[in-house]
Amino acid sequence: MKTLLPLLLAFTGVSMSIPASADDSPATTMAAAARTFLGTLDPAQKTKAQLPFDSEERFNWFYIPKDRVGLPLKQMTPPQRDATMALLQAGLSEKGYTKAEAIRALEPVLAAIEKNPVRRDPELYYVSIFGDPSPGGTWGWRYEGHHLSQNWTVVRGQSIASSPQFFGSNPAEVRDGPKKGTRVLAAEEDLARALLEGLTEAQRAKAVISTEAPDDMLTANNRKAAMQEDRGLSHEELTPEQRGLLM
């Protein structure tokens, strides 16, 4: 990629918390976890949770608190929640899973700040399965709620696309209460600031494309990236140390 733009990157891996089969590839492990999850549901729950792979809903991702299509944690039994968390662990690294749960744990903090426990509910995170997670099949799934949108597509039981994938944090830093000092995305924020502060004046003039903070994510949840032109500071203009911070 030529330009240095404000991006949120997430790296995925595989957790072996789910029993591995003879073929313990990430796609196989994920499909097995999805089948286990679906196997815990009653017919009414399965109707909510499982949609066709070509459903238009598969493209309807967002990161705000809102009603969603799928089955929320709030309507699950403890074993079903365990199966959900095992599926999430199959899609994220251990660090990614820990961050996802830490983000969900911020909802009670927001509920206290806003005095709105109905809107800020840590159980309003939804699971949607798109298609049939059969061995060798093409299917997808989503785990989503406020400031979390994790999407995966498995193609012919082998290739995995983990996009879009969104991690957010609100509050960025908890100022009061038992979680005071918590910064879920501290590493990401601190590295970005270190990179910016390490730029020369000339570099910064190119890298900072606006002096005003946007109201929301620049490209929001649009299907097509809104920024098509090259803007920002190119990778080749960075020093080795700056490139290390970017990576």
C-alpha atoms as a PDB file:
ATOM      1  CA  MET A   1       0.000   0.000   0.000  1.00  0.00           C
ATOM      2  CA  LYS A   2       1.481   3.339  -1.044  1.00  0.00           C
ATOM      3  CA  THR A   3      -0.006   5.765   1.436  1.00  0.00           C
ATOM      4  CA  LEU A   4      -0.028   5.979   5.200  1.00  0.00           C
ATOM      5  CA  LEU A   5      -3.667   6.313   6.192  1.00  0.00           C
ATOM      6  CA  PRO A   6      -5.519   6.023   9.500  1.00  0.00           C
ATOM      7  CA  LEU A   7      -6.222   2.291   9.655  1.00  0.00           C
ATOM      8  CA  LEU A   8      -7.306  -0.174  12.340  1.00  0.00           C
ATOM      9  CA  LEU A   9      -5.610  -3.528  11.812  1.00  0.00           C
ATOM     10  CA  ALA A  10      -6.461  -6.797  13.521  1.00  0.00           C
ATOM     11  CA  PHE A  11      -4.466  -9.995  13.338  1.00  0.00           C
ATOM     12  CA  THR A  12      -6.170 -13.355  13.604  1.00  0.00           C
ATOM     13  CA  GLY A  13      -4.913 -16.733  14.628  1.00  0.00           C
ATOM     14  CA  VAL A  14      -6.256 -20.014  15.919  1.00  0.00           C
ATOM     15  CA  SER A  15      -6.933 -21.107  19.461  1.00  0.00           C
ATOM     16  CA  MET A  16      -6.776 -24.821  20.189  1.00  0.00           C
ATOM     17  CA  SER A  17      -9.385 -24.586  22.934  1.00  0.00           C
ATOM     18  CA  ILE A  18     -11.621 -26.642  20.622  1.00  0.00           C
ATOM     19  CA  PRO A  19     -10.689 -30.293  20.123  1.00  0.00           C
ATOM     20  CA  ALA A  20      -8.727 -30.526  16.895  1.00  0.00           C
ATOM     21  CA  SER A  21      -9.501 -33.104  14.248  1.00  0.00           C
ATOM     22  CA  ALA A  22      -7.025 -34.959  12.092  1.00  0.00           C
ATOM     23  CA  ASP A  23      -7.115 -31.934   9.829  1.00  0.00           C
ATOM     24  CA  ASP A  24      -6.621 -29.170  12.389  1.00  0.00           C
ATOM     25  CA  SER A  25      -6.385 -26.328   9.878  1.00  0.00           C
ATOM     26  CA  PRO A  26      -7.954 -23.023  10.958  1.00  0.00           C
ATOM     27  CA  ALA A  27     -10.871 -23.477   8.541  1.00  0.00           C
ATOM     28  CA  THR A  28     -11.580 -27.002   9.795  1.00  0.00           C
ATOM     29  CA  THR A  29     -11.367 -25.963  13.442  1.00  0.00           C
ATOM     30  CA  MET A  30     -13.679 -23.024  12.829  1.00  0.00           C
ATOM     31  CA  ALA A  31     -16.234 -25.134  10.950  1.00  0.00           C
ATOM     32  CA  ALA A  32     -16.256 -27.721  13.726  1.00  0.00           C
ATOM     33  CA  ALA A  33     -16.833 -24.985  16.321  1.00  0.00           C
ATOM     34  CA  ALA A  34     -19.682 -23.534  14.231  1.00  0.00           C
ATOM     35  CA  ARG A  35     -21.363 -26.944  13.904  1.00  0.00           C
ATOM     36  CA  THR A  36     -21.024 -27.466  17.653  1.00  0.00           C
ATOM     37  CA  PHE A  37     -22.644 -24.077  18.280  1.00  0.00           C
ATOM     38  CA  LEU A  38     -25.532 -24.790  15.890  1.00  0.00           C
ATOM     39  CA  GLY A  39     -26.000 -28.190  17.511  1.00  0.00           C
ATOM     40  CA  THR A  40     -26.796 -26.537  20.865  1.00  0.00           C
ATOM     41  CA  LEU A  41     -29.683 -24.483  19.444  1.00  0.00           C
ATOM     42  CA  ASP A  42     -33.375 -25.296  19.399  1.00  0.00           C
ATOM     43  CA  PRO A  43     -35.268 -24.798  16.096  1.00  0.00           C
ATOM     44  CA  ALA A  44     -36.423 -21.261  16.931  1.00  0.00           C
ATOM     45  CA  GLN A  45     -32.916 -20.181  17.907  1.00  0.00           C
ATOM     46  CA  LYS A  46     -31.426 -21.786  14.814  1.00  0.00           C
ATOM     47  CA  THR A  47     -33.857 -19.838  12.625  1.00  0.00           C
ATOM     48  CA  LYS A  48     -32.497 -16.634  14.147  1.00  0.00           C
ATOM     49  CA  ALA A  49     -28.848 -17.622  14.052  1.00  0.00           C
ATOM     50  CA  GLN A  50     -28.473 -19.264  10.637  1.00  0.00           C
ATOM     51  CA  LEU A  51     -29.059 -17.452   7.352  1.00  0.00           C
ATOM     52  CA  PRO A  52     -28.285 -18.291   3.691  1.00  0.00           C
ATOM     53  CA  PHE A  53     -24.724 -17.613   2.604  1.00  0.00           C
ATOM     54  CA  ASP A  54     -25.954 -15.244  -0.117  1.00  0.00           C
ATOM     55  CA  SER A  55     -28.115 -13.300   2.334  1.00  0.00           C
ATOM     56  CA  GLU A  56     -27.887  -9.533   1.960  1.00  0.00           C
ATOM     57  CA  GLU A  57     -27.495  -9.428   5.752  1.00  0.00           C
ATOM     58  CA  ARG A  58     -23.961 -10.783   5.410  1.00  0.00           C
ATOM     59  CA  PHE A  59     -22.908  -7.324   4.183  1.00  0.00           C
ATOM     60  CA  ASN A  60     -24.814  -5.417   6.871  1.00  0.00           C
ATOM     61  CA  TRP A  61     -22.058  -4.963   9.440  1.00  0.00           C
ATOM     62  CA  PHE A  62     -21.837  -2.117  11.963  1.00  0.00           C
ATOM     63  CA  TYR A  63     -20.100  -1.160  15.208  1.00  0.00           C
ATOM     64  CA  ILE A  64     -22.729   0.888  17.056  1.00  0.00           C
ATOM     65  CA  PRO A  65     -25.209  -0.348  19.708  1.00  0.00           C
ATOM     66  CA  LYS A  66     -28.305  -1.396  17.735  1.00  0.00           C
ATOM     67  CA  ASP A  67     -30.713  -4.272  17.200  1.00  0.00           C
ATOM     68  CA  ARG A  68     -29.116  -6.903  14.988  1.00  0.00           C
ATOM     69  CA  VAL A  69     -30.005  -9.979  13.006  1.00  0.00           C
ATOM     70  CA  GLY A  70     -28.732 -13.131  14.682  1.00  0.00           C
ATOM     71  CA  LEU A  71     -28.899 -14.734  18.103  1.00  0.00           C
ATOM     72  CA  PRO A  72     -27.740 -12.550  21.027  1.00  0.00           C
ATOM     73  CA  LEU A  73     -25.910 -13.840  24.089  1.00  0.00           C
ATOM     74  CA  LYS A  74     -28.902 -12.613  26.097  1.00  0.00           C
ATOM     75  CA  GLN A  75     -31.082 -15.376  24.603  1.00  0.00           C
ATOM     76  CA  MET A  76     -28.563 -18.191  25.077  1.00  0.00           C
ATOM     77  CA  THR A  77     -28.205 -20.816  27.759  1.00  0.00           C
ATOM     78  CA  PRO A  78     -24.809 -21.150  29.524  1.00  0.00           C
ATOM     79  CA  PRO A  79     -23.754 -24.097  27.289  1.00  0.00           C
ATOM     80  CA  GLN A  80     -24.717 -22.096  24.198  1.00  0.00           C
ATOM     81  CA  ARG A  81     -22.637 -19.144  25.405  1.00  0.00           C
ATOM     82  CA  ASP A  82     -19.709 -21.483  25.982  1.00  0.00           C
ATOM     83  CA  ALA A  83     -20.084 -22.724  22.401  1.00  0.00           C
ATOM     84  CA  THR A  84     -20.161 -19.101  21.192  1.00  0.00           C
ATOM     85  CA  MET A  85     -16.960 -18.251  23.031  1.00  0.00           C
ATOM     86  CA  ALA A  86     -15.285 -21.394  21.665  1.00  0.00           C
ATOM     87  CA  LEU A  87     -16.276 -20.324  18.147  1.00  0.00           C
ATOM     88  CA  LEU A  88     -14.875 -16.835  18.774  1.00  0.00           C
ATOM     89  CA  GLN A  89     -11.626 -18.346  20.043  1.00  0.00           C
ATOM     90  CA  ALA A  90     -11.404 -20.336  16.825  1.00  0.00           C
ATOM     91  CA  GLY A  91     -11.485 -17.104  14.850  1.00  0.00           C
ATOM     92  CA  LEU A  92      -9.147 -14.958  16.950  1.00  0.00           C
ATOM     93  CA  SER A  93      -5.742 -15.283  18.537  1.00  0.00           C
ATOM     94  CA  GLU A  94      -5.620 -15.480  22.329  1.00  0.00           C
ATOM     95  CA  LYS A  95      -4.775 -11.763  22.456  1.00  0.00           C
ATOM     96  CA  GLY A  96      -7.583 -10.911  20.031  1.00  0.00           C
ATOM     97  CA  TYR A  97     -10.109 -12.903  22.051  1.00  0.00           C
ATOM     98  CA  THR A  98      -8.988 -11.208  25.285  1.00  0.00           C
ATOM     99  CA  LYS A  99      -9.400  -7.784  23.682  1.00  0.00           C
ATOM    100  CA  ALA A 100     -12.841  -8.678  22.347  1.00  0.00           C
ATOM    101  CA  GLU A 101     -14.012  -9.682  25.819  1.00  0.00           C
ATOM    102  CA  ALA A 102     -12.405  -6.578  27.374  1.00  0.00           C
ATOM    103  CA  ILE A 103     -14.322  -4.379  24.909  1.00  0.00           C
ATOM    104  CA  ARG A 104     -17.586  -6.137  25.793  1.00  0.00           C
ATOM    105  CA  ALA A 105     -16.806  -5.617  29.492  1.00  0.00           C
ATOM    106  CA  LEU A 106     -16.832  -1.832  28.939  1.00  0.00           C
ATOM    107  CA  GLU A 107     -20.603  -1.836  28.366  1.00  0.00           C
ATOM    108  CA  PRO A 108     -21.420  -1.719  32.131  1.00  0.00           C
ATOM    109  CA  VAL A 109     -19.013   1.241  32.434  1.00  0.00           C
ATOM    110  CA  LEU A 110     -20.961   3.073  29.714  1.00  0.00           C
ATOM    111  CA  ALA A 111     -24.259   2.018  31.314  1.00  0.00           C
ATOM    112  CA  ALA A 112     -23.199   3.715  34.549  1.00  0.00           C
ATOM    113  CA  ILE A 113     -21.966   6.850  32.764  1.00  0.00           C
ATOM    114  CA  GLU A 114     -25.078   7.183  30.590  1.00  0.00           C
ATOM    115  CA  LYS A 115     -27.497   5.690  33.128  1.00  0.00           C
ATOM    116  CA  ASN A 116     -28.859   3.466  30.378  1.00  0.00           C
ATOM    117  CA  PRO A 117     -28.338  -0.257  31.117  1.00  0.00           C
ATOM    118  CA  VAL A 118     -30.845  -1.227  28.408  1.00  0.00           C
ATOM    119  CA  ARG A 119     -28.811   0.287  25.581  1.00  0.00           C
ATOM    120  CA  ARG A 120     -25.442  -0.588  27.084  1.00  0.00           C
ATOM    121  CA  ASP A 121     -25.910  -4.297  27.649  1.00  0.00           C
ATOM    122  CA  PRO A 122     -22.891  -6.672  27.490  1.00  0.00           C
ATOM    123  CA  GLU A 123     -25.252  -9.477  26.480  1.00  0.00           C
ATOM    124  CA  LEU A 124     -26.363  -7.737  23.280  1.00  0.00           C
ATOM    125  CA  TYR A 125     -23.629  -9.317  21.168  1.00  0.00           C
ATOM    126  CA  TYR A 126     -24.951 -11.435  18.331  1.00  0.00           C
ATOM    127  CA  VAL A 127     -23.858 -14.535  16.417  1.00  0.00           C
ATOM    128  CA  SER A 128     -24.917 -15.092  12.810  1.00  0.00           C
ATOM    129  CA  ILE A 129     -23.955 -18.117  10.695  1.00  0.00           C
ATOM    130  CA  PHE A 130     -24.236 -17.703   6.931  1.00  0.00           C
ATOM    131  CA  GLY A 131     -24.613 -20.958   5.043  1.00  0.00           C
ATOM    132  CA  ASP A 132     -23.668 -24.461   6.144  1.00  0.00           C
ATOM    133  CA  PRO A 133     -20.326 -24.844   7.972  1.00  0.00           C
ATOM    134  CA  SER A 134     -19.722 -28.266   6.452  1.00  0.00           C
ATOM    135  CA  PRO A 135     -16.228 -29.676   5.876  1.00  0.00           C
ATOM    136  CA  GLY A 136     -15.032 -28.330   2.544  1.00  0.00           C
ATOM    137  CA  GLY A 137     -17.962 -25.932   2.306  1.00  0.00           C
ATOM    138  CA  THR A 138     -18.201 -22.197   1.621  1.00  0.00           C
ATOM    139  CA  TRP A 139     -19.842 -20.312   4.462  1.00  0.00           C
ATOM    140  CA  GLY A 140     -19.380 -17.352   6.793  1.00  0.00           C
ATOM    141  CA  TRP A 141     -20.179 -16.057  10.235  1.00  0.00           C
ATOM    142  CA  ARG A 142     -20.245 -12.891  12.302  1.00  0.00           C
ATOM    143  CA  TYR A 143     -19.870 -11.945  15.958  1.00  0.00           C
ATOM    144  CA  GLU A 144     -21.034  -8.389  16.517  1.00  0.00           C
ATOM    145  CA  GLY A 145     -22.076  -5.801  19.074  1.00  0.00           C
ATOM    146  CA  HIS A 146     -21.040  -2.332  20.197  1.00  0.00           C
ATOM    147  CA  HIS A 147     -17.472  -1.625  19.041  1.00  0.00           C
ATOM    148  CA  LEU A 148     -16.983  -5.187  17.846  1.00  0.00           C
ATOM    149  CA  SER A 149     -17.641  -6.499  14.361  1.00  0.00           C
ATOM    150  CA  GLN A 150     -15.799  -9.710  13.578  1.00  0.00           C
ATOM    151  CA  ASN A 151     -16.553 -11.283  10.195  1.00  0.00           C
ATOM    152  CA  TRP A 152     -15.165 -14.424   8.579  1.00  0.00           C
ATOM    153  CA  THR A 153     -15.718 -16.137   5.249  1.00  0.00           C
ATOM    154  CA  VAL A 154     -14.474 -19.684   4.602  1.00  0.00           C
ATOM    155  CA  VAL A 155     -14.089 -20.706   0.964  1.00  0.00           C
ATOM    156  CA  ARG A 156     -14.240 -24.407   0.034  1.00  0.00           C
ATOM    157  CA  GLY A 157     -13.150 -25.349   3.538  1.00  0.00           C
ATOM    158  CA  GLN A 158      -9.672 -23.903   3.060  1.00  0.00           C
ATOM    159  CA  SER A 159      -9.194 -20.165   2.570  1.00  0.00           C
ATOM    160  CA  ILE A 160     -10.335 -17.762   5.311  1.00  0.00           C
ATOM    161  CA  ALA A 161     -11.064 -14.056   4.824  1.00  0.00           C
ATOM    162  CA  SER A 162     -11.359 -12.150   8.112  1.00  0.00           C
ATOM    163  CA  SER A 163     -12.786  -8.882   6.876  1.00  0.00           C
ATOM    164  CA  PRO A 164     -14.287  -6.540   7.860  1.00  0.00           C
ATOM    165  CA  GLN A 165     -12.888  -6.795  11.366  1.00  0.00           C
ATOM    166  CA  PHE A 166     -13.451  -3.947  13.801  1.00  0.00           C
ATOM    167  CA  PHE A 167     -12.179  -3.368  17.335  1.00  0.00           C
ATOM    168  CA  GLY A 168     -13.166  -0.137  19.103  1.00  0.00           C
ATOM    169  CA  SER A 169     -12.973   1.115  22.673  1.00  0.00           C
ATOM    170  CA  ASN A 170     -15.322   3.419  24.560  1.00  0.00           C
ATOM    171  CA  PRO A 171     -14.204   4.861  26.884  1.00  0.00           C
ATOM    172  CA  ALA A 172     -10.689   4.859  25.441  1.00  0.00           C
ATOM    173  CA  GLU A 173      -9.578   5.150  29.068  1.00  0.00           C
ATOM    174  CA  VAL A 174     -11.819   4.466  32.058  1.00  0.00           C
ATOM    175  CA  ARG A 175     -11.507   7.426  34.429  1.00  0.00           C
ATOM    176  CA  ASP A 176     -13.522   6.242  37.441  1.00  0.00           C
ATOM    177  CA  GLY A 177     -14.817   3.135  39.172  1.00  0.00           C
ATOM    178  CA  PRO A 178     -13.394  -0.368  39.596  1.00  0.00           C
ATOM    179  CA  LYS A 179     -12.017  -0.410  36.042  1.00  0.00           C
ATOM    180  CA  LYS A 180     -10.257   2.944  36.417  1.00  0.00           C
ATOM    181  CA  GLY A 181      -7.166   3.149  34.215  1.00  0.00           C
ATOM    182  CA  THR A 182      -8.334   0.448  31.772  1.00  0.00           C
ATOM    183  CA  ARG A 183      -7.227   1.140  28.189  1.00  0.00           C
ATOM    184  CA  VAL A 184      -8.274  -1.815  26.051  1.00  0.00           C
ATOM    185  CA  LEU A 185      -6.557  -0.542  22.878  1.00  0.00           C
ATOM    186  CA  ALA A 186      -3.636   1.145  24.615  1.00  0.00           C
ATOM    187  CA  ALA A 187      -0.959  -0.512  22.461  1.00  0.00           C
ATOM    188  CA  GLU A 188      -2.624   0.523  19.202  1.00  0.00           C
ATOM    189  CA  GLU A 189      -3.175   4.107  20.352  1.00  0.00           C
ATOM    190  CA  ASP A 190       0.299   4.519  21.833  1.00  0.00           C
ATOM    191  CA  LEU A 191       2.043   3.122  18.751  1.00  0.00           C
ATOM    192  CA  ALA A 192       0.071   5.440  16.480  1.00  0.00           C
ATOM    193  CA  ARG A 193       0.992   8.449  18.614  1.00  0.00           C
ATOM    194  CA  ALA A 194       4.633   7.393  18.738  1.00  0.00           C
ATOM    195  CA  LEU A 195       4.710   7.106  14.958  1.00  0.00           C
ATOM    196  CA  LEU A 196       3.124  10.521  14.491  1.00  0.00           C
ATOM    197  CA  GLU A 197       5.363  12.197  17.068  1.00  0.00           C
ATOM    198  CA  GLY A 198       8.445  10.666  15.438  1.00  0.00           C
ATOM    199  CA  LEU A 199       7.758  12.261  12.062  1.00  0.00           C
ATOM    200  CA  THR A 200       9.611  15.316  10.891  1.00  0.00           C
ATOM    201  CA  GLU A 201       7.672  18.510  10.273  1.00  0.00           C
ATOM    202  CA  ALA A 202       7.717  17.864   6.528  1.00  0.00           C
ATOM    203  CA  GLN A 203       6.584  14.264   6.954  1.00  0.00           C
ATOM    204  CA  ARG A 204       3.801  15.265   9.316  1.00  0.00           C
ATOM    205  CA  ALA A 205       2.511  17.844   6.832  1.00  0.00           C
ATOM    206  CA  LYS A 206       1.895  14.945   4.424  1.00  0.00           C
ATOM    207  CA  ALA A 207       0.708  12.367   6.951  1.00  0.00           C
ATOM    208  CA  VAL A 208      -1.927  14.513   8.694  1.00  0.00           C
ATOM    209  CA  ILE A 209      -4.721  14.789   6.140  1.00  0.00           C
ATOM    210  CA  SER A 210      -7.047  16.781   8.425  1.00  0.00           C
ATOM    211  CA  THR A 211      -6.583  18.825  11.592  1.00  0.00           C
ATOM    212  CA  GLU A 212     -10.170  18.192  12.671  1.00  0.00           C
ATOM    213  CA  ALA A 213     -11.291  14.870  14.070  1.00  0.00           C
ATOM    214  CA  PRO A 214     -14.066  13.232  12.008  1.00  0.00           C
ATOM    215  CA  ASP A 215     -17.464  12.567  13.585  1.00  0.00           C
ATOM    216  CA  ASP A 216     -17.046   8.844  12.951  1.00  0.00           C
ATOM    217  CA  MET A 217     -14.772   6.365  11.192  1.00  0.00           C
ATOM    218  CA  LEU A 218     -13.735   7.973   7.898  1.00  0.00           C
ATOM    219  CA  THR A 219     -15.176   5.171   5.752  1.00  0.00           C
ATOM    220  CA  ALA A 220     -17.839   4.130   8.302  1.00  0.00           C
ATOM    221  CA  ASN A 221     -19.329   0.732   7.351  1.00  0.00           C
ATOM    222  CA  ASN A 222     -19.502   1.411   3.610  1.00  0.00           C
ATOM    223  CA  ARG A 223     -18.944  -1.553   1.300  1.00  0.00           C
ATOM    224  CA  LYS A 224     -16.646   0.473  -0.919  1.00  0.00           C
ATOM    225  CA  ALA A 225     -13.734   2.409   0.574  1.00  0.00           C
ATOM    226  CA  ALA A 226     -14.507   6.119   0.331  1.00  0.00           C
ATOM    227  CA  MET A 227     -10.847   7.122  -0.033  1.00  0.00           C
ATOM    228  CA  GLN A 228      -9.661   6.022  -3.450  1.00  0.00           C
ATOM    229  CA  GLU A 229      -6.920   8.554  -4.164  1.00  0.00           C
ATOM    230  CA  ASP A 230      -3.395   8.382  -2.760  1.00  0.00           C
ATOM    231  CA  ARG A 231      -3.181  10.668   0.251  1.00  0.00           C
ATOM    232  CA  GLY A 232      -0.765  10.749   3.137  1.00  0.00           C
ATOM    233  CA  LEU A 233       2.868   9.811   3.615  1.00  0.00           C
ATOM    234  CA  SER A 234       4.263   6.956   1.526  1.00  0.00           C
ATOM    235  CA  HIS A 235       6.110   4.029   3.054  1.00  0.00           C
ATOM    236  CA  GLU A 236       9.230   4.815   1.029  1.00  0.00           C
ATOM    237  CA  GLU A 237       9.460   8.232   2.716  1.00  0.00           C
ATOM    238  CA  LEU A 238       9.789   6.674   6.181  1.00  0.00           C
ATOM    239  CA  THR A 239      13.032   5.922   7.968  1.00  0.00           C
ATOM    240  CA  PRO A 240      13.737   2.296   9.006  1.00  0.00           C
ATOM    241  CA  GLU A 241      12.751   3.140  12.597  1.00  0.00           C
ATOM    242  CA  GLN A 242       9.488   4.736  11.448  1.00  0.00           C
ATOM    243  CA  ARG A 243       8.721   1.741   9.247  1.00  0.00           C
ATOM    244  CA  GLY A 244       9.230  -0.488  12.268  1.00  0.00           C
ATOM    245  CA  LEU A 245       6.629   1.495  14.235  1.00  0.00           C
ATOM    246  CA  LEU A 246       4.216   1.318  11.294  1.00  0.00           C
ATOM    247  CA  MET A 247       4.594  -2.459  11.078  1.00  0.00           C
END
